PDB file of N, CA and C in Angstrom:
ATOM      1  N   MET A   1     147.602 115.836-200.562  1.00  0.00           N
ATOM      2  CA  MET A   1     148.835 115.583-201.162  1.00  0.00           C
ATOM      3  C   MET A   1     148.553 115.140-202.669  1.00  0.00           C
ATOM      4  N   THR A   2     149.508 115.589-203.513  1.00  0.00           N
ATOM      5  CA  THR A   2     149.335 115.195-204.865  1.00  0.00           C
ATOM      6  C   THR A   2     150.629 115.065-205.518  1.00  0.00           C
ATOM      7  N   ARG A   3     150.772 114.269-206.471  1.00  0.00           N
ATOM      8  CA  ARG A   3     151.954 114.073-207.225  1.00  0.00           C
ATOM      9  C   ARG A   3     151.852 115.196-208.282  1.00  0.00           C
ATOM     10  N   PHE A   4     152.927 116.064-208.416  1.00  0.00           N
ATOM     11  CA  PHE A   4     152.877 117.134-209.359  1.00  0.00           C
ATOM     12  C   PHE A   4     153.917 117.041-210.358  1.00  0.00           C
ATOM     13  N   ASN A   5     153.731 116.688-211.460  1.00  0.00           N
ATOM     14  CA  ASN A   5     154.719 116.845-212.573  1.00  0.00           C
ATOM     15  C   ASN A   5     153.961 117.388-213.777  1.00  0.00           C
ATOM     16  N   THR A   6     153.041 116.744-214.237  1.00  0.00           N
ATOM     17  CA  THR A   6     152.273 117.143-215.418  1.00  0.00           C
ATOM     18  C   THR A   6     150.796 116.686-215.224  1.00  0.00           C
ATOM     19  N   GLY A   7     149.999 117.073-216.161  1.00  0.00           N
ATOM     20  CA  GLY A   7     148.595 116.534-216.348  1.00  0.00           C
ATOM     21  C   GLY A   7     147.764 116.769-215.048  1.00  0.00           C
ATOM     22  N   VAL A   8     147.095 115.649-214.605  1.00  0.00           N
ATOM     23  CA  VAL A   8     146.127 115.608-213.609  1.00  0.00           C
ATOM     24  C   VAL A   8     146.729 116.126-212.247  1.00  0.00           C
ATOM     25  N   GLY A   9     147.966 115.772-211.849  1.00  0.00           N
ATOM     26  CA  GLY A   9     148.439 116.154-210.551  1.00  0.00           C
ATOM     27  C   GLY A   9     148.716 117.665-210.563  1.00  0.00           C
ATOM     28  N   ARG A  10     149.186 118.231-211.692  1.00  0.00           N
ATOM     29  CA  ARG A  10     149.382 119.655-211.674  1.00  0.00           C
ATOM     30  C   ARG A  10     148.065 120.439-211.648  1.00  0.00           C
ATOM     31  N   GLU A  11     147.156 119.975-212.481  1.00  0.00           N
ATOM     32  CA  GLU A  11     145.827 120.682-212.567  1.00  0.00           C
ATOM     33  C   GLU A  11     145.070 120.649-211.246  1.00  0.00           C
ATOM     34  N   THR A  12     145.137 119.422-210.640  1.00  0.00           N
ATOM     35  CA  THR A  12     144.459 119.260-209.341  1.00  0.00           C
ATOM     36  C   THR A  12     145.117 120.194-208.319  1.00  0.00           C
ATOM     37  N   SER A  13     146.375 120.222-208.284  1.00  0.00           N
ATOM     38  CA  SER A  13     147.037 121.136-207.302  1.00  0.00           C
ATOM     39  C   SER A  13     146.643 122.617-207.564  1.00  0.00           C
ATOM     40  N   ARG A  14     146.696 122.975-208.793  1.00  0.00           N
ATOM     41  CA  ARG A  14     146.277 124.388-209.131  1.00  0.00           C
ATOM     42  C   ARG A  14     144.837 124.696-208.683  1.00  0.00           C
ATOM     43  N   GLN A  15     143.932 123.708-208.965  1.00  0.00           N
ATOM     44  CA  GLN A  15     142.564 124.065-208.621  1.00  0.00           C
ATOM     45  C   GLN A  15     142.353 123.906-207.005  1.00  0.00           C
ATOM     46  N   LEU A  16     143.098 123.093-206.323  1.00  0.00           N
ATOM     47  CA  LEU A  16     142.901 123.138-204.920  1.00  0.00           C
ATOM     48  C   LEU A  16     143.472 124.463-204.351  1.00  0.00           C
ATOM     49  N   LEU A  17     144.542 124.979-204.879  1.00  0.00           N
ATOM     50  CA  LEU A  17     144.990 126.301-204.423  1.00  0.00           C
ATOM     51  C   LEU A  17     143.904 127.405-204.768  1.00  0.00           C
ATOM     52  N   ASP A  18     143.406 127.308-206.009  1.00  0.00           N
ATOM     53  CA  ASP A  18     142.332 128.305-206.331  1.00  0.00           C
ATOM     54  C   ASP A  18     141.123 128.270-205.364  1.00  0.00           C
ATOM     55  N   LEU A  19     140.837 127.122-204.882  1.00  0.00           N
ATOM     56  CA  LEU A  19     139.763 126.931-203.950  1.00  0.00           C
ATOM     57  C   LEU A  19     140.072 127.338-202.453  1.00  0.00           C
ATOM     58  N   GLY A  20     141.334 127.777-202.173  1.00  0.00           N
ATOM     59  CA  GLY A  20     141.601 128.265-200.965  1.00  0.00           C
ATOM     60  C   GLY A  20     142.310 127.237-200.023  1.00  0.00           C
ATOM     61  N   LEU A  21     142.846 126.219-200.606  1.00  0.00           N
ATOM     62  CA  LEU A  21     143.592 125.267-199.744  1.00  0.00           C
ATOM     63  C   LEU A  21     144.707 125.905-198.899  1.00  0.00           C
ATOM     64  N   SER A  22     144.870 125.547-197.679  1.00  0.00           N
ATOM     65  CA  SER A  22     145.873 126.298-196.796  1.00  0.00           C
ATOM     66  C   SER A  22     147.154 125.532-196.853  1.00  0.00           C
ATOM     67  N   LYS A  23     147.244 124.306-197.123  1.00  0.00           N
ATOM     68  CA  LYS A  23     148.479 123.520-197.177  1.00  0.00           C
ATOM     69  C   LYS A  23     148.419 122.526-198.279  1.00  0.00           C
ATOM     70  N   LEU A  24     149.433 122.400-199.132  1.00  0.00           N
ATOM     71  CA  LEU A  24     149.572 121.503-200.146  1.00  0.00           C
ATOM     72  C   LEU A  24     150.904 120.814-200.020  1.00  0.00           C
ATOM     73  N   ILE A  25     150.923 119.543-200.131  1.00  0.00           N
ATOM     74  CA  ILE A  25     152.111 118.702-200.004  1.00  0.00           C
ATOM     75  C   ILE A  25     152.219 118.100-201.333  1.00  0.00           C
ATOM     76  N   LEU A  26     153.378 118.441-202.071  1.00  0.00           N
ATOM     77  CA  LEU A  26     153.683 117.802-203.358  1.00  0.00           C
ATOM     78  C   LEU A  26     154.557 116.602-203.144  1.00  0.00           C
ATOM     79  N   ALA A  27     154.005 115.453-203.522  1.00  0.00           N
ATOM     80  CA  ALA A  27     154.780 114.172-203.327  1.00  0.00           C
ATOM     81  C   ALA A  27     155.435 113.856-204.645  1.00  0.00           C
ATOM     82  N   VAL A  28     156.698 113.968-204.632  1.00  0.00           N
ATOM     83  CA  VAL A  28     157.566 113.897-205.884  1.00  0.00           C
ATOM     84  C   VAL A  28     158.738 112.913-205.773  1.00  0.00           C
ATOM     85  N   ARG A  29     159.084 112.371-206.869  1.00  0.00           N
ATOM     86  CA  ARG A  29     160.354 111.532-206.886  1.00  0.00           C
ATOM     87  C   ARG A  29     161.576 112.351-206.872  1.00  0.00           C
ATOM     88  N   SER A  30     161.466 113.549-207.443  1.00  0.00           N
ATOM     89  CA  SER A  30     162.659 114.383-207.586  1.00  0.00           C
ATOM     90  C   SER A  30     162.481 115.703-206.887  1.00  0.00           C
ATOM     91  N   GLU A  31     163.290 115.875-205.868  1.00  0.00           N
ATOM     92  CA  GLU A  31     163.201 117.150-205.035  1.00  0.00           C
ATOM     93  C   GLU A  31     163.392 118.351-205.919  1.00  0.00           C
ATOM     94  N   GLU A  32     164.339 118.224-206.957  1.00  0.00           N
ATOM     95  CA  GLU A  32     164.530 119.402-207.852  1.00  0.00           C
ATOM     96  C   GLU A  32     163.254 119.737-208.641  1.00  0.00           C
ATOM     97  N   ARG A  33     162.716 118.722-209.221  1.00  0.00           N
ATOM     98  CA  ARG A  33     161.451 118.941-210.052  1.00  0.00           C
ATOM     99  C   ARG A  33     160.317 119.339-209.097  1.00  0.00           C
ATOM    100  N   GLY A  34     160.323 118.943-207.939  1.00  0.00           N
ATOM    101  CA  GLY A  34     159.351 119.356-206.954  1.00  0.00           C
ATOM    102  C   GLY A  34     159.314 120.835-206.652  1.00  0.00           C
ATOM    103  N   GLN A  35     160.660 121.297-206.388  1.00  0.00           N
ATOM    104  CA  GLN A  35     160.852 122.743-206.194  1.00  0.00           C
ATOM    105  C   GLN A  35     160.457 123.525-207.393  1.00  0.00           C
ATOM    106  N   THR A  36     160.733 123.039-208.586  1.00  0.00           N
ATOM    107  CA  THR A  36     160.326 123.732-209.787  1.00  0.00           C
ATOM    108  C   THR A  36     158.814 123.845-209.829  1.00  0.00           C
ATOM    109  N   ALA A  37     158.206 122.730-209.531  1.00  0.00           N
ATOM    110  CA  ALA A  37     156.732 122.730-209.633  1.00  0.00           C
ATOM    111  C   ALA A  37     156.076 123.675-208.529  1.00  0.00           C
ATOM    112  N   LYS A  38     156.808 123.750-207.337  1.00  0.00           N
ATOM    113  CA  LYS A  38     156.263 124.682-206.290  1.00  0.00           C
ATOM    114  C   LYS A  38     156.414 126.107-206.839  1.00  0.00           C
ATOM    115  N   LYS A  39     157.385 126.415-207.527  1.00  0.00           N
ATOM    116  CA  LYS A  39     157.701 127.780-208.026  1.00  0.00           C
ATOM    117  C   LYS A  39     156.576 128.078-209.107  1.00  0.00           C
ATOM    118  N   LYS A  40     156.304 127.145-209.942  1.00  0.00           N
ATOM    119  CA  LYS A  40     155.326 127.304-211.030  1.00  0.00           C
ATOM    120  C   LYS A  40     153.901 127.521-210.416  1.00  0.00           C
ATOM    121  N   LEU A  41     153.561 126.788-209.330  1.00  0.00           N
ATOM    122  CA  LEU A  41     152.237 126.839-208.775  1.00  0.00           C
ATOM    123  C   LEU A  41     152.140 128.183-208.078  1.00  0.00           C
ATOM    124  N   SER A  42     153.300 128.664-207.442  1.00  0.00           N
ATOM    125  CA  SER A  42     153.192 129.941-206.655  1.00  0.00           C
ATOM    126  C   SER A  42     153.157 131.163-207.593  1.00  0.00           C
ATOM    127  N   ALA A  43     153.664 131.071-208.872  1.00  0.00           N
ATOM    128  CA  ALA A  43     153.739 132.154-209.717  1.00  0.00           C
ATOM    129  C   ALA A  43     152.345 132.782-209.985  1.00  0.00           C
ATOM    130  N   GLY A  44     152.227 134.086-209.776  1.00  0.00           N
ATOM    131  CA  GLY A  44     150.994 134.786-210.081  1.00  0.00           C
ATOM    132  C   GLY A  44     149.815 134.484-209.037  1.00  0.00           C
ATOM    133  N   GLN A  45     150.149 133.828-207.997  1.00  0.00           N
ATOM    134  CA  GLN A  45     149.128 133.594-207.012  1.00  0.00           C
ATOM    135  C   GLN A  45     149.493 134.343-205.655  1.00  0.00           C
ATOM    136  N   ASN A  46     148.353 134.701-204.913  1.00  0.00           N
ATOM    137  CA  ASN A  46     148.538 135.316-203.652  1.00  0.00           C
ATOM    138  C   ASN A  46     148.515 134.067-202.561  1.00  0.00           C
ATOM    139  N   LEU A  47     149.687 133.653-202.201  1.00  0.00           N
ATOM    140  CA  LEU A  47     149.833 132.512-201.434  1.00  0.00           C
ATOM    141  C   LEU A  47     150.307 132.829-200.018  1.00  0.00           C
ATOM    142  N   SER A  48     149.941 134.040-199.521  1.00  0.00           N
ATOM    143  CA  SER A  48     150.554 134.501-198.226  1.00  0.00           C
ATOM    144  C   SER A  48     150.116 133.596-197.053  1.00  0.00           C
ATOM    145  N   ASN A  49     148.889 132.997-197.204  1.00  0.00           N
ATOM    146  CA  ASN A  49     148.409 132.136-196.135  1.00  0.00           C
ATOM    147  C   ASN A  49     148.429 130.646-196.482  1.00  0.00           C
ATOM    148  N   VAL A  50     149.301 130.357-197.476  1.00  0.00           N
ATOM    149  CA  VAL A  50     149.378 128.982-198.055  1.00  0.00           C
ATOM    150  C   VAL A  50     150.690 128.398-197.803  1.00  0.00           C
ATOM    151  N   SER A  51     150.777 127.192-197.416  1.00  0.00           N
ATOM    152  CA  SER A  51     152.046 126.503-197.281  1.00  0.00           C
ATOM    153  C   SER A  51     152.201 125.403-198.278  1.00  0.00           C
ATOM    154  N   ILE A  52     153.242 125.448-199.101  1.00  0.00           N
ATOM    155  CA  ILE A  52     153.374 124.436-200.174  1.00  0.00           C
ATOM    156  C   ILE A  52     154.664 123.790-199.762  1.00  0.00           C
ATOM    157  N   GLU A  53     154.560 122.547-199.573  1.00  0.00           N
ATOM    158  CA  GLU A  53     155.784 121.691-199.103  1.00  0.00           C
ATOM    159  C   GLU A  53     156.021 120.614-200.185  1.00  0.00           C
ATOM    160  N   VAL A  54     157.266 120.357-200.331  1.00  0.00           N
ATOM    161  CA  VAL A  54     157.746 119.255-201.297  1.00  0.00           C
ATOM    162  C   VAL A  54     158.358 118.121-200.467  1.00  0.00           C
ATOM    163  N   TRP A  55     157.631 116.881-200.594  1.00  0.00           N
ATOM    164  CA  TRP A  55     158.071 115.715-199.932  1.00  0.00           C
ATOM    165  C   TRP A  55     158.468 114.662-201.045  1.00  0.00           C
ATOM    166  N   GLU A  56     159.560 114.028-200.808  1.00  0.00           N
ATOM    167  CA  GLU A  56     159.987 112.932-201.681  1.00  0.00           C
ATOM    168  C   GLU A  56     159.038 111.707-201.510  1.00  0.00           C
ATOM    169  N   LEU A  57     158.700 111.070-202.602  1.00  0.00           N
ATOM    170  CA  LEU A  57     157.948 109.832-202.631  1.00  0.00           C
ATOM    171  C   LEU A  57     158.172 109.061-203.886  1.00  0.00           C
ATOM    172  N   ASP A  58     158.675 107.902-203.762  1.00  0.00           N
ATOM    173  CA  ASP A  58     158.942 107.070-204.940  1.00  0.00           C
ATOM    174  C   ASP A  58     158.017 105.865-204.652  1.00  0.00           C
ATOM    175  N   ARG A  59     156.797 105.785-205.364  1.00  0.00           N
ATOM    176  CA  ARG A  59     155.800 104.701-205.012  1.00  0.00           C
ATOM    177  C   ARG A  59     156.281 103.379-205.595  1.00  0.00           C
ATOM    178  N   SER A  60     157.461 103.317-206.225  1.00  0.00           N
ATOM    179  CA  SER A  60     157.920 101.989-206.580  1.00  0.00           C
ATOM    180  C   SER A  60     158.954 101.454-205.612  1.00  0.00           C
ATOM    181  N   ASP A  61     159.179 102.221-204.501  1.00  0.00           N
ATOM    182  CA  ASP A  61     160.095 101.798-203.516  1.00  0.00           C
ATOM    183  C   ASP A  61     159.384 101.761-202.130  1.00  0.00           C
ATOM    184  N   TYR A  62     159.277 100.505-201.632  1.00  0.00           N
ATOM    185  CA  TYR A  62     158.353 100.357-200.261  1.00  0.00           C
ATOM    186  C   TYR A  62     159.067 101.217-199.186  1.00  0.00           C
ATOM    187  N   ASP A  63     160.378 101.319-199.130  1.00  0.00           N
ATOM    188  CA  ASP A  63     161.044 102.155-198.099  1.00  0.00           C
ATOM    189  C   ASP A  63     160.539 103.595-198.156  1.00  0.00           C
ATOM    190  N   SER A  64     160.523 104.056-199.395  1.00  0.00           N
ATOM    191  CA  SER A  64     160.070 105.468-199.673  1.00  0.00           C
ATOM    192  C   SER A  64     158.614 105.737-199.264  1.00  0.00           C
ATOM    193  N   VAL A  65     157.745 104.718-199.590  1.00  0.00           N
ATOM    194  CA  VAL A  65     156.360 104.784-199.304  1.00  0.00           C
ATOM    195  C   VAL A  65     156.165 104.795-197.693  1.00  0.00           C
ATOM    196  N   VAL A  66     156.869 103.861-197.016  1.00  0.00           N
ATOM    197  CA  VAL A  66     156.760 103.745-195.558  1.00  0.00           C
ATOM    198  C   VAL A  66     157.288 105.060-194.949  1.00  0.00           C
ATOM    199  N   ALA A  67     158.371 105.600-195.397  1.00  0.00           N
ATOM    200  CA  ALA A  67     158.975 106.812-194.815  1.00  0.00           C
ATOM    201  C   ALA A  67     157.961 107.968-195.113  1.00  0.00           C
ATOM    202  N   PHE A  68     157.358 108.060-196.216  1.00  0.00           N
ATOM    203  CA  PHE A  68     156.354 109.097-196.531  1.00  0.00           C
ATOM    204  C   PHE A  68     155.107 108.916-195.631  1.00  0.00           C
ATOM    205  N   ALA A  69     154.595 107.707-195.471  1.00  0.00           N
ATOM    206  CA  ALA A  69     153.437 107.467-194.506  1.00  0.00           C
ATOM    207  C   ALA A  69     153.896 107.922-193.052  1.00  0.00           C
ATOM    208  N   GLU A  70     155.046 107.571-192.667  1.00  0.00           N
ATOM    209  CA  GLU A  70     155.450 107.901-191.290  1.00  0.00           C
ATOM    210  C   GLU A  70     155.605 109.471-191.166  1.00  0.00           C
ATOM    211  N   ARG A  71     156.078 110.163-192.168  1.00  0.00           N
ATOM    212  CA  ARG A  71     156.089 111.562-192.126  1.00  0.00           C
ATOM    213  C   ARG A  71     154.770 112.255-192.037  1.00  0.00           C
ATOM    214  N   THR A  72     153.717 111.596-192.611  1.00  0.00           N
ATOM    215  CA  THR A  72     152.345 112.181-192.598  1.00  0.00           C
ATOM    216  C   THR A  72     151.793 112.173-191.121  1.00  0.00           C
ATOM    217  N   LYS A  73     152.488 111.390-190.295  1.00  0.00           N
ATOM    218  CA  LYS A  73     151.904 111.435-188.904  1.00  0.00           C
ATOM    219  C   LYS A  73     152.256 112.659-188.201  1.00  0.00           C
ATOM    220  N   SER A  74     153.137 113.463-188.765  1.00  0.00           N
ATOM    221  CA  SER A  74     153.551 114.828-188.143  1.00  0.00           C
ATOM    222  C   SER A  74     152.406 115.793-188.499  1.00  0.00           C
ATOM    223  N   LEU A  75     151.517 115.624-189.307  1.00  0.00           N
ATOM    224  CA  LEU A  75     150.395 116.454-189.672  1.00  0.00           C
ATOM    225  C   LEU A  75     149.311 116.403-188.591  1.00  0.00           C
ATOM    226  N   SER A  76     148.755 117.561-188.296  1.00  0.00           N
ATOM    227  CA  SER A  76     147.625 117.601-187.314  1.00  0.00           C
ATOM    228  C   SER A  76     146.368 116.893-187.957  1.00  0.00           C
ATOM    229  N   ARG A  77     146.193 116.899-189.186  1.00  0.00           N
ATOM    230  CA  ARG A  77     145.141 116.353-189.820  1.00  0.00           C
ATOM    231  C   ARG A  77     145.390 116.126-191.407  1.00  0.00           C
ATOM    232  N   LEU A  78     144.730 115.376-192.044  1.00  0.00           N
ATOM    233  CA  LEU A  78     144.861 115.106-193.402  1.00  0.00           C
ATOM    234  C   LEU A  78     143.409 115.051-194.055  1.00  0.00           C
ATOM    235  N   ASN A  79     143.012 116.055-194.810  1.00  0.00           N
ATOM    236  CA  ASN A  79     141.674 116.110-195.344  1.00  0.00           C
ATOM    237  C   ASN A  79     141.508 115.555-196.684  1.00  0.00           C
ATOM    238  N   ILE A  80     142.429 115.758-197.644  1.00  0.00           N
ATOM    239  CA  ILE A  80     142.310 115.270-198.947  1.00  0.00           C
ATOM    240  C   ILE A  80     143.644 114.582-199.413  1.00  0.00           C
ATOM    241  N   VAL A  81     143.466 113.359-199.980  1.00  0.00           N
ATOM    242  CA  VAL A  81     144.643 112.832-200.656  1.00  0.00           C
ATOM    243  C   VAL A  81     144.233 112.476-202.144  1.00  0.00           C
ATOM    244  N   VAL A  82     145.045 112.935-203.024  1.00  0.00           N
ATOM    245  CA  VAL A  82     144.868 112.697-204.473  1.00  0.00           C
ATOM    246  C   VAL A  82     145.841 111.701-204.889  1.00  0.00           C
ATOM    247  N   LEU A  83     145.368 110.425-205.202  1.00  0.00           N
ATOM    248  CA  LEU A  83     146.268 109.344-205.544  1.00  0.00           C
ATOM    249  C   LEU A  83     146.276 109.248-207.089  1.00  0.00           C
ATOM    250  N   ASN A  84     147.285 109.789-207.670  1.00  0.00           N
ATOM    251  CA  ASN A  84     147.327 109.881-209.126  1.00  0.00           C
ATOM    252  C   ASN A  84     148.684 109.275-209.647  1.00  0.00           C
ATOM    253  N   ILE A  85     148.594 108.165-210.321  1.00  0.00           N
ATOM    254  CA  ILE A  85     149.739 107.535-210.817  1.00  0.00           C
ATOM    255  C   ILE A  85     149.371 106.710-212.056  1.00  0.00           C
ATOM    256  N   GLY A  86     150.279 106.752-213.025  1.00  0.00           N
ATOM    257  CA  GLY A  86     150.032 105.869-214.184  1.00  0.00           C
ATOM    258  C   GLY A  86     151.331 105.478-214.788  1.00  0.00           C
ATOM    259  N   ILE A  87     151.515 104.240-215.044  1.00  0.00           N
ATOM    260  CA  ILE A  87     152.778 103.798-215.609  1.00  0.00           C
ATOM    261  C   ILE A  87     152.428 102.853-216.832  1.00  0.00           C
ATOM    262  N   ALA A  88     152.955 103.161-217.966  1.00  0.00           N
ATOM    263  CA  ALA A  88     152.667 102.189-219.079  1.00  0.00           C
ATOM    264  C   ALA A  88     153.999 102.016-219.863  1.00  0.00           C
ATOM    265  N   ASN A  89     154.717 100.991-219.432  1.00  0.00           N
ATOM    266  CA  ASN A  89     155.973 100.656-220.145  1.00  0.00           C
ATOM    267  C   ASN A  89     155.689 100.051-221.453  1.00  0.00           C
ATOM    268  N   ALA A  90     156.624 100.184-222.408  1.00  0.00           N
ATOM    269  CA  ALA A  90     156.457  99.562-223.733  1.00  0.00           C
ATOM    270  C   ALA A  90     156.627  98.132-223.626  1.00  0.00           C
ATOM    271  N   THR A  91     157.386  97.590-222.726  1.00  0.00           N
ATOM    272  CA  THR A  91     157.451  96.137-222.470  1.00  0.00           C
ATOM    273  C   THR A  91     157.247  95.848-220.956  1.00  0.00           C
ATOM    274  N   ARG A  92     156.874  94.615-220.613  1.00  0.00           N
ATOM    275  CA  ARG A  92     156.599  94.296-219.314  1.00  0.00           C
ATOM    276  C   ARG A  92     157.858  94.415-218.474  1.00  0.00           C
ATOM    277  N   VAL A  93     157.772  95.099-217.322  1.00  0.00           N
ATOM    278  CA  VAL A  93     158.950  95.425-216.532  1.00  0.00           C
ATOM    279  C   VAL A  93     158.533  94.984-215.122  1.00  0.00           C
ATOM    280  N   PHE A  94     159.465  94.288-214.400  1.00  0.00           N
ATOM    281  CA  PHE A  94     159.289  93.963-213.027  1.00  0.00           C
ATOM    282  C   PHE A  94     160.177  94.755-212.142  1.00  0.00           C
ATOM    283  N   ASN A  95     159.688  95.297-211.051  1.00  0.00           N
ATOM    284  CA  ASN A  95     160.471  96.136-210.128  1.00  0.00           C
ATOM    285  C   ASN A  95     161.514  95.222-209.462  1.00  0.00           C
ATOM    286  N   PRO A  96     162.796  95.550-209.551  1.00  0.00           N
ATOM    287  CA  PRO A  96     163.819  94.605-208.942  1.00  0.00           C
ATOM    288  C   PRO A  96     163.712  94.603-207.347  1.00  0.00           C
ATOM    289  N   LYS A  97     163.262  95.647-206.809  1.00  0.00           N
ATOM    290  CA  LYS A  97     163.095  95.685-205.384  1.00  0.00           C
ATOM    291  C   LYS A  97     161.956  94.835-204.850  1.00  0.00           C
ATOM    292  N   THR A  98     160.831  94.918-205.501  1.00  0.00           N
ATOM    293  CA  THR A  98     159.646  94.258-205.027  1.00  0.00           C
ATOM    294  C   THR A  98     159.218  92.921-205.772  1.00  0.00           C
ATOM    295  N   GLY A  99     159.721  92.890-207.040  1.00  0.00           N
ATOM    296  CA  GLY A  99     159.280  91.719-207.889  1.00  0.00           C
ATOM    297  C   GLY A  99     158.026  91.881-208.529  1.00  0.00           C
ATOM    298  N   HIS A 100     157.260  92.993-208.241  1.00  0.00           N
ATOM    299  CA  HIS A 100     155.969  93.291-208.815  1.00  0.00           C
ATOM    300  C   HIS A 100     156.032  93.788-210.215  1.00  0.00           C
ATOM    301  N   ASP A 101     154.960  93.564-210.964  1.00  0.00           N
ATOM    302  CA  ASP A 101     154.862  93.994-212.230  1.00  0.00           C
ATOM    303  C   ASP A 101     154.604  95.483-212.153  1.00  0.00           C
ATOM    304  N   GLU A 102     155.300  96.383-213.028  1.00  0.00           N
ATOM    305  CA  GLU A 102     155.181  97.837-212.864  1.00  0.00           C
ATOM    306  C   GLU A 102     154.088  98.407-213.925  1.00  0.00           C
ATOM    307  N   MET A 103     153.408  97.604-214.517  1.00  0.00           N
ATOM    308  CA  MET A 103     152.314  98.048-215.391  1.00  0.00           C
ATOM    309  C   MET A 103     151.134  98.443-214.550  1.00  0.00           C
ATOM    310  N   ILE A 104     150.855  99.694-214.487  1.00  0.00           N
ATOM    311  CA  ILE A 104     149.799 100.239-213.717  1.00  0.00           C
ATOM    312  C   ILE A 104     148.900 101.099-214.623  1.00  0.00           C
TER     313      ILE A 104
END
């Protein structure tokens, strides 16, 4: 699973597909952007035996994280997880749902 928007997530996804990955789950905050990412990853590739799925995940929302984790239980196995996130706000921001500092 990888978060795909730009940078490390996108490149990791592309390289995993190039290495013959059979299933890729894109964990995204926006379903629309996830579907766009899926199309970009699929372009010019022979993905006849590859499944790319888009799953919503907002790591700043505990309910979203728990729902995502529960959904992973439907998988027969999980071989690789790429945890890639970075947040750098110009000013210190606290998540109103959790009360935690969002500077990561």
